[in-house]
Amino acid sequence: MTQDSTLIDLEEQDLYEHLRIVVDKGQSLLRIDKFLMHRVENASRNRIQNAIELGNVLVNEKVIKPSYKVKPLDVISVVLPHPPRDTEVYPEDIALNIVYEDNDVLMVNKPAGMVVHPGYNNYTGTLVNGLVYHFQQLPTLPGNDGRPGLVHRIDKDTSGLLLISKNERAMTLLAKQFYDHTITRRYLALVWGDLAEDGTITGYIGRSVNDRRVMAVYDDPEKGKWSVTHYKVLERLNYVTLIECKLETGRTHQIRAHMKHIGHTLFSDAVYGGDKILKGTMFGKYKQFVENCFELMPRQALHAQSLGFIHPTQKKEVYFETNLPHDFDSVLKKWRGYNQYNLIGSD
């Protein structure tokens, strides 16, 4: 087979088939990206288009263009450079910081650095691996295989509260609250710059066209999912500001993308560029001070501080709150000290 051939040999290219769809006989002509949007879980149109452009979507074993129109009996394959893995989660004896537990729910204070659920390159050592070890018969929702008990998630390097369902009834009721945006979630974040006032950020969040690791905020509903973050200024520290964020929606990297969008990137957020000095001088004692802060907290300054919801059995609102972890608290104290030192006229 030549390099120019459009026919892909899965073994030769070291690609593995993850999804296979045989198009129905009565299917009318439809662009493949629109067709796949309704058949691939949690996939936006932009994500599907990127997969097509990268050659990860084949029709009848051939690479196609994004403009290709699906025809009856087409065989569509989604191929990726890593083998598919079953959805079984293997139990591991991992220490969990349990804030609250009853017959229906479990509240965990997740440390920064812990992945929530198994996925590519992270099949072990996750919070879910620990949950499966400590608790039996955790429920899953349809389409949520491999994530027992989870009704939401937080990023690997974000610390804080995560709510777990212990039975199907609780999971269904809590998932409905997340879907209806009636869950109360508040985060503490340290951001670059001096925020002038409280505010609200809105927009459609989707993958960045320049870097698929990050999310971007768009005006076009075709490019992402609607998102709303309210923020309140808690403490101004000259070059950085401590804020509280209240989420109406729960999109991937929502706070991180929103704050980047308005020019106030989270402090020490390497993925979004916050691990560089964005305010203040690049030289002298200040530079060394900031680098010491980065070393003390080598992750985004974001903590899921509180979570409130209607308890599935008690039918009343319950509310939980957790303190800042040591790394975040230490960096905040350092900024307070630095700011106070400069206010009294030193440099």
Protein backbone atom coordinates (compact mmCIF):
# COMPACT_ATOMS: atom_id res chain seq x y z
CA MET A 1 0.00 0.00 0.00
CA THR A 2 1.40 3.41 -0.89
CA GLN A 3 1.54 6.39 1.44
CA ASP A 4 -0.78 8.32 -0.89
CA SER A 5 -3.53 5.72 -0.83
CA THR A 6 -6.76 6.78 0.86
CA LEU A 7 -7.38 3.23 2.03
CA ILE A 8 -6.17 2.83 5.62
CA ASP A 9 -4.65 -0.41 6.85
CA LEU A 10 -5.45 -0.30 10.56
CA GLU A 11 -2.57 -2.56 11.57
CA GLU A 12 -0.02 -0.81 9.35
CA GLN A 13 -1.00 2.62 10.70
CA ASP A 14 -1.24 1.29 14.29
CA LEU A 15 -4.81 2.55 14.56
CA TYR A 16 -7.57 0.80 16.47
CA GLU A 17 -11.27 0.84 15.79
CA HIS A 18 -13.19 2.38 18.71
CA LEU A 19 -16.60 2.81 17.11
CA ARG A 20 -18.29 1.16 14.13
CA ILE A 21 -21.62 2.32 12.67
CA VAL A 22 -23.50 0.75 9.76
CA VAL A 23 -25.80 3.40 8.30
CA ASP A 24 -29.48 2.50 8.07
CA LYS A 25 -30.99 1.66 4.65
CA GLY A 26 -33.42 4.57 4.88
CA GLN A 27 -30.86 7.21 5.80
CA SER A 28 -31.10 10.38 3.69
CA LEU A 29 -27.95 12.22 2.56
CA LEU A 30 -26.48 14.09 5.54
CA ARG A 31 -23.10 15.66 6.29
CA ILE A 32 -21.05 13.21 8.31
CA ASP A 33 -20.32 15.65 11.13
CA LYS A 34 -24.04 16.23 11.70
CA PHE A 35 -24.71 12.50 11.44
CA LEU A 36 -22.08 11.63 14.07
CA MET A 37 -23.14 14.36 16.50
CA HIS A 38 -26.21 12.30 17.35
CA ARG A 39 -24.36 9.00 17.60
CA VAL A 40 -21.13 9.76 19.46
CA GLU A 41 -21.51 10.45 23.18
CA ASN A 42 -20.33 13.80 24.53
CA ALA A 43 -18.95 14.89 21.16
CA SER A 44 -19.43 18.41 19.86
CA ARG A 45 -19.57 19.15 16.15
CA ASN A 46 -16.20 20.89 16.38
CA ARG A 47 -14.63 17.83 18.02
CA ILE A 48 -16.04 15.56 15.31
CA GLN A 49 -14.81 17.86 12.54
CA ASN A 50 -11.31 17.83 14.04
CA ALA A 51 -11.35 14.02 14.15
CA ILE A 52 -12.36 13.91 10.48
CA GLU A 53 -9.61 16.34 9.48
CA LEU A 54 -7.04 14.27 11.38
CA GLY A 55 -8.10 11.13 9.49
CA ASN A 56 -9.63 9.43 12.52
CA VAL A 57 -13.02 8.93 10.84
CA LEU A 58 -13.23 6.43 7.98
CA VAL A 59 -16.12 5.61 5.69
CA ASN A 60 -15.89 2.19 4.05
CA GLU A 61 -12.25 2.10 5.24
CA LYS A 62 -11.37 5.33 3.45
CA VAL A 63 -10.42 8.75 4.80
CA ILE A 64 -13.11 11.28 3.94
CA LYS A 65 -13.51 15.07 3.91
CA PRO A 66 -15.68 16.96 6.44
CA SER A 67 -18.13 17.74 3.63
CA TYR A 68 -18.76 14.03 2.94
CA LYS A 69 -22.45 13.11 2.98
CA VAL A 70 -23.44 9.84 4.59
CA LYS A 71 -25.29 7.35 2.36
CA PRO A 72 -27.36 4.26 3.19
CA LEU A 73 -25.30 1.22 4.29
CA ASP A 74 -22.06 3.22 4.66
CA VAL A 75 -19.75 1.67 7.25
CA ILE A 76 -18.32 4.41 9.48
CA SER A 77 -15.35 3.73 11.75
CA VAL A 78 -13.76 5.98 14.36
CA VAL A 79 -10.12 4.96 14.72
CA LEU A 80 -7.55 6.17 17.23
CA PRO A 81 -3.86 5.45 17.85
CA HIS A 82 -4.51 3.59 21.11
CA PRO A 83 -6.50 0.40 21.70
CA PRO A 84 -9.99 0.59 23.17
CA ARG A 85 -10.29 -0.49 26.77
CA ASP A 86 -13.21 -2.14 28.48
CA THR A 87 -15.22 -0.06 30.90
CA GLU A 88 -14.50 -2.23 33.92
CA VAL A 89 -13.02 -0.23 36.78
CA TYR A 90 -10.46 -2.09 38.87
CA PRO A 91 -10.63 -1.52 42.66
CA GLU A 92 -7.61 -0.01 44.38
CA ASP A 93 -6.97 0.67 48.06
CA ILE A 94 -6.68 4.46 47.83
CA ALA A 95 -7.16 6.72 50.85
CA LEU A 96 -10.21 8.95 50.48
CA ASN A 97 -10.89 12.14 52.42
CA ILE A 98 -14.60 11.61 53.16
CA VAL A 99 -16.34 14.76 54.39
CA TYR A 100 -19.82 13.24 54.73
CA GLU A 101 -21.55 9.93 54.11
CA ASP A 102 -25.03 8.46 54.49
CA ASN A 103 -27.02 5.74 52.71
CA ASP A 104 -27.52 7.88 49.60
CA VAL A 105 -24.56 10.17 49.08
CA LEU A 106 -20.88 10.52 49.74
CA MET A 107 -18.95 13.81 49.81
CA VAL A 108 -15.24 13.58 49.07
CA ASN A 109 -12.61 16.30 49.41
CA LYS A 110 -10.41 15.52 46.39
CA PRO A 111 -6.74 16.53 46.55
CA ALA A 112 -5.08 18.29 43.64
CA GLY A 113 -3.28 15.84 41.37
CA MET A 114 -5.86 13.05 41.62
CA VAL A 115 -7.69 12.13 38.42
CA VAL A 116 -11.43 11.64 39.00
CA HIS A 117 -12.20 8.73 36.66
CA PRO A 118 -10.23 6.29 34.50
CA GLY A 119 -9.40 7.36 30.96
CA TYR A 120 -6.64 7.22 28.38
CA ASN A 121 -3.24 7.19 30.14
CA ASN A 122 -5.01 7.21 33.53
CA TYR A 123 -6.53 3.77 34.02
CA THR A 124 -5.37 3.40 37.63
CA GLY A 125 -4.92 5.56 40.69
CA THR A 126 -8.11 7.54 40.10
CA LEU A 127 -10.76 8.55 42.60
CA VAL A 128 -13.20 6.10 41.02
CA ASN A 129 -10.71 3.23 41.46
CA GLY A 130 -10.68 4.08 45.16
CA LEU A 131 -14.46 4.38 45.35
CA VAL A 132 -14.96 0.95 43.79
CA TYR A 133 -12.59 -0.55 46.38
CA HIS A 134 -14.32 1.04 49.37
CA PHE A 135 -17.95 0.80 48.24
CA GLN A 136 -19.92 -1.91 46.49
CA GLN A 137 -22.68 -1.56 43.90
CA LEU A 138 -22.11 2.07 43.00
CA PRO A 139 -24.61 3.07 40.31
CA THR A 140 -23.97 4.30 36.77
CA LEU A 141 -26.15 6.31 34.44
CA PRO A 142 -26.79 5.26 30.82
CA GLY A 143 -23.79 6.22 28.73
CA ASN A 144 -21.67 6.74 31.84
CA ASP A 145 -19.96 3.34 31.95
CA GLY A 146 -16.70 3.32 33.87
CA ARG A 147 -17.75 6.20 36.12
CA PRO A 148 -19.78 4.59 38.92
CA GLY A 149 -21.34 7.02 41.36
CA LEU A 150 -20.25 10.16 39.52
CA VAL A 151 -22.79 12.85 38.73
CA HIS A 152 -20.16 15.54 38.08
CA ARG A 153 -16.38 15.93 38.04
CA ILE A 154 -13.58 18.40 38.70
CA ASP A 155 -10.24 18.68 36.94
CA LYS A 156 -7.22 16.65 38.01
CA ASP A 157 -5.34 19.66 39.42
CA THR A 158 -8.38 21.30 40.99
CA SER A 159 -8.92 20.48 44.65
CA GLY A 160 -12.16 20.32 46.57
CA LEU A 161 -15.59 18.80 47.01
CA LEU A 162 -17.01 16.07 44.79
CA LEU A 163 -20.45 14.53 45.25
CA ILE A 164 -20.93 10.77 44.81
CA SER A 165 -24.22 8.86 44.53
CA LYS A 166 -24.45 5.50 46.34
CA ASN A 167 -27.61 4.18 44.69
CA GLU A 168 -29.54 4.56 41.44
CA ARG A 169 -32.36 6.61 42.92
CA ALA A 170 -29.96 9.15 44.40
CA MET A 171 -27.97 9.28 41.19
CA THR A 172 -31.03 9.97 39.05
CA LEU A 173 -32.30 12.72 41.35
CA LEU A 174 -28.90 14.39 41.71
CA ALA A 175 -28.15 14.17 38.00
CA LYS A 176 -31.45 15.98 37.37
CA GLN A 177 -30.37 18.79 39.72
CA PHE A 178 -27.07 19.18 37.88
CA TYR A 179 -28.92 19.16 34.55
CA ASP A 180 -31.35 21.83 35.81
CA HIS A 181 -28.45 23.91 37.21
CA THR A 182 -30.02 23.96 40.68
CA ILE A 183 -26.89 22.68 42.43
CA THR A 184 -25.04 25.42 44.33
CA ARG A 185 -21.33 25.29 43.56
CA ARG A 186 -18.79 27.83 44.69
CA TYR A 187 -15.08 27.85 43.90
CA LEU A 188 -12.22 29.95 45.22
CA ALA A 189 -9.72 31.09 42.61
CA LEU A 190 -6.63 33.26 42.59
CA VAL A 191 -6.36 35.10 39.29
CA TRP A 192 -3.82 37.36 37.67
CA GLY A 193 -4.56 41.09 37.69
CA ASP A 194 -6.67 43.52 39.69
CA LEU A 195 -10.34 42.81 39.03
CA ALA A 196 -12.24 46.08 39.28
CA GLU A 197 -15.64 44.69 40.28
CA ASP A 198 -17.87 41.64 40.52
CA GLY A 199 -19.27 40.29 37.28
CA THR A 200 -20.73 37.52 35.13
CA ILE A 201 -19.07 35.76 32.21
CA THR A 202 -21.13 34.04 29.53
CA GLY A 203 -20.43 32.41 26.19
CA TYR A 204 -20.26 29.13 24.31
CA ILE A 205 -17.36 26.95 25.48
CA GLY A 206 -15.71 24.59 22.99
CA ARG A 207 -12.29 23.25 22.08
CA SER A 208 -9.80 25.85 20.92
CA VAL A 209 -9.05 25.64 17.21
CA ASN A 210 -5.39 26.38 17.99
CA ASP A 211 -4.81 23.97 20.88
CA ARG A 212 -7.17 21.08 21.60
CA ARG A 213 -5.94 20.81 25.19
CA VAL A 214 -7.68 24.04 26.08
CA MET A 215 -11.21 25.37 25.91
CA ALA A 216 -12.15 28.69 24.38
CA VAL A 217 -15.18 30.97 24.68
CA TYR A 218 -17.14 31.72 21.50
CA ASP A 219 -20.14 33.81 20.50
CA ASP A 220 -21.28 31.14 18.04
CA PRO A 221 -23.56 28.40 19.48
CA GLU A 222 -22.27 26.06 16.78
CA LYS A 223 -18.81 26.14 18.37
CA GLY A 224 -19.63 25.13 21.92
CA LYS A 225 -22.03 24.80 24.83
CA TRP A 226 -23.62 27.68 26.71
CA SER A 227 -21.86 28.57 29.97
CA VAL A 228 -22.39 31.04 32.82
CA THR A 229 -19.99 31.94 35.65
CA HIS A 230 -20.67 34.61 38.29
CA TYR A 231 -17.63 35.91 40.14
CA LYS A 232 -17.23 38.02 43.26
CA VAL A 233 -14.08 39.82 44.35
CA LEU A 234 -13.02 38.70 47.83
CA GLU A 235 -9.56 40.21 48.21
CA ARG A 236 -7.37 42.41 46.02
CA LEU A 237 -3.64 41.79 46.33
CA ASN A 238 -2.34 44.22 43.71
CA TYR A 239 -1.04 41.86 41.00
CA VAL A 240 -3.48 39.05 41.84
CA THR A 241 -7.07 38.87 43.07
CA LEU A 242 -8.84 36.26 45.18
CA ILE A 243 -12.34 35.64 43.83
CA GLU A 244 -15.32 33.40 44.46
CA CYS A 245 -16.93 31.80 41.40
CA LYS A 246 -20.48 30.53 41.33
CA LEU A 247 -21.34 28.20 38.47
CA GLU A 248 -24.69 28.07 36.71
CA THR A 249 -23.37 25.54 34.21
CA GLY A 250 -20.64 22.93 34.48
CA ARG A 251 -18.58 22.90 31.28
CA THR A 252 -15.09 21.45 30.90
CA HIS A 253 -12.51 23.94 32.24
CA GLN A 254 -15.31 26.49 32.63
CA ILE A 255 -13.73 28.80 35.23
CA ARG A 256 -10.27 28.44 33.71
CA ALA A 257 -11.50 29.29 30.20
CA HIS A 258 -13.79 32.10 31.37
CA MET A 259 -11.13 33.87 33.40
CA LYS A 260 -8.62 33.55 30.56
CA HIS A 261 -11.28 34.99 28.24
CA ILE A 262 -11.60 38.21 30.27
CA GLY A 263 -7.84 38.59 30.69
CA HIS A 264 -7.52 37.28 34.26
CA THR A 265 -5.97 33.83 33.88
CA LEU A 266 -5.82 31.62 36.95
CA PHE A 267 -2.55 31.91 38.85
CA SER A 268 -0.15 29.01 38.12
CA ASP A 269 -2.44 27.48 35.46
CA ALA A 270 0.16 26.04 33.06
CA VAL A 271 -2.36 24.94 30.42
CA TYR A 272 -3.82 28.45 30.07
CA GLY A 273 -0.57 30.38 30.47
CA GLY A 274 -0.97 31.36 34.11
CA ASP A 275 2.38 29.83 35.09
CA LYS A 276 4.14 32.91 33.71
CA ILE A 277 4.39 36.38 35.23
CA LEU A 278 1.42 38.16 33.68
CA LYS A 279 1.41 41.22 35.95
CA GLY A 280 4.34 43.10 37.47
CA THR A 281 8.03 43.23 36.64
CA MET A 282 9.92 40.32 35.13
CA PHE A 283 13.04 41.03 37.18
CA GLY A 284 14.44 41.25 40.69
CA LYS A 285 12.90 40.16 43.97
CA TYR A 286 9.36 40.12 42.56
CA LYS A 287 10.28 37.59 39.90
CA GLN A 288 11.87 35.34 42.51
CA PHE A 289 8.84 35.73 44.77
CA VAL A 290 6.41 34.66 42.02
CA GLU A 291 8.60 31.72 41.02
CA ASN A 292 8.64 30.59 44.65
CA CYS A 293 4.84 30.71 44.62
CA PHE A 294 4.73 28.62 41.43
CA GLU A 295 7.00 26.07 43.07
CA LEU A 296 4.84 25.96 46.17
CA MET A 297 1.67 25.42 44.13
CA PRO A 298 2.54 23.94 40.70
CA ARG A 299 -1.11 23.74 39.60
CA GLN A 300 -3.99 26.10 38.93
CA ALA A 301 -5.16 28.09 41.96
CA LEU A 302 -8.68 26.69 41.94
CA HIS A 303 -10.53 25.01 44.81
CA ALA A 304 -14.11 23.65 44.84
CA GLN A 305 -14.93 25.10 48.24
CA SER A 306 -18.64 24.45 48.70
CA LEU A 307 -21.53 22.44 47.32
CA GLY A 308 -25.23 22.56 48.13
CA PHE A 309 -28.08 20.39 46.86
CA ILE A 310 -31.49 18.96 47.72
CA HIS A 311 -30.86 15.67 49.49
CA PRO A 312 -32.53 12.82 47.56
CA THR A 313 -34.15 11.30 50.69
CA GLN A 314 -34.32 14.13 53.20
CA LYS A 315 -35.84 16.44 50.55
CA LYS A 316 -34.17 19.47 52.09
CA GLU A 317 -31.18 21.51 51.06
CA VAL A 318 -27.85 20.42 52.50
CA TYR A 319 -24.65 22.39 52.22
CA PHE A 320 -20.99 21.44 52.60
CA GLU A 321 -17.85 23.55 52.72
CA THR A 322 -14.15 22.75 52.95
CA ASN A 323 -11.08 24.80 53.79
CA LEU A 324 -8.36 25.72 51.33
CA PRO A 325 -5.68 23.02 50.96
CA HIS A 326 -2.20 23.74 52.28
CA ASP A 327 -0.62 24.73 48.94
CA PHE A 328 -3.33 27.26 48.04
CA ASP A 329 -3.48 28.65 51.58
CA SER A 330 0.31 29.04 51.71
CA VAL A 331 0.48 30.90 48.40
CA LEU A 332 -2.37 33.19 49.43
CA LYS A 333 -0.57 34.03 52.68
CA LYS A 334 2.63 34.76 50.74
CA TRP A 335 0.77 37.20 48.47
CA ARG A 336 -0.79 38.91 51.48
CA GLY A 337 2.62 39.27 53.06
CA TYR A 338 4.19 40.58 49.86
CA ASN A 339 1.36 43.06 49.33
CA GLN A 340 1.55 44.34 52.92
CA TYR A 341 5.33 44.67 52.68
CA ASN A 342 5.00 46.89 49.62
CA LEU A 343 2.17 48.96 51.11
CA ILE A 344 4.46 50.16 53.89
CA GLY A 345 6.96 51.49 51.36
CA SER A 346 9.49 48.69 50.86
CA ASP A 347 10.49 47.14 47.58
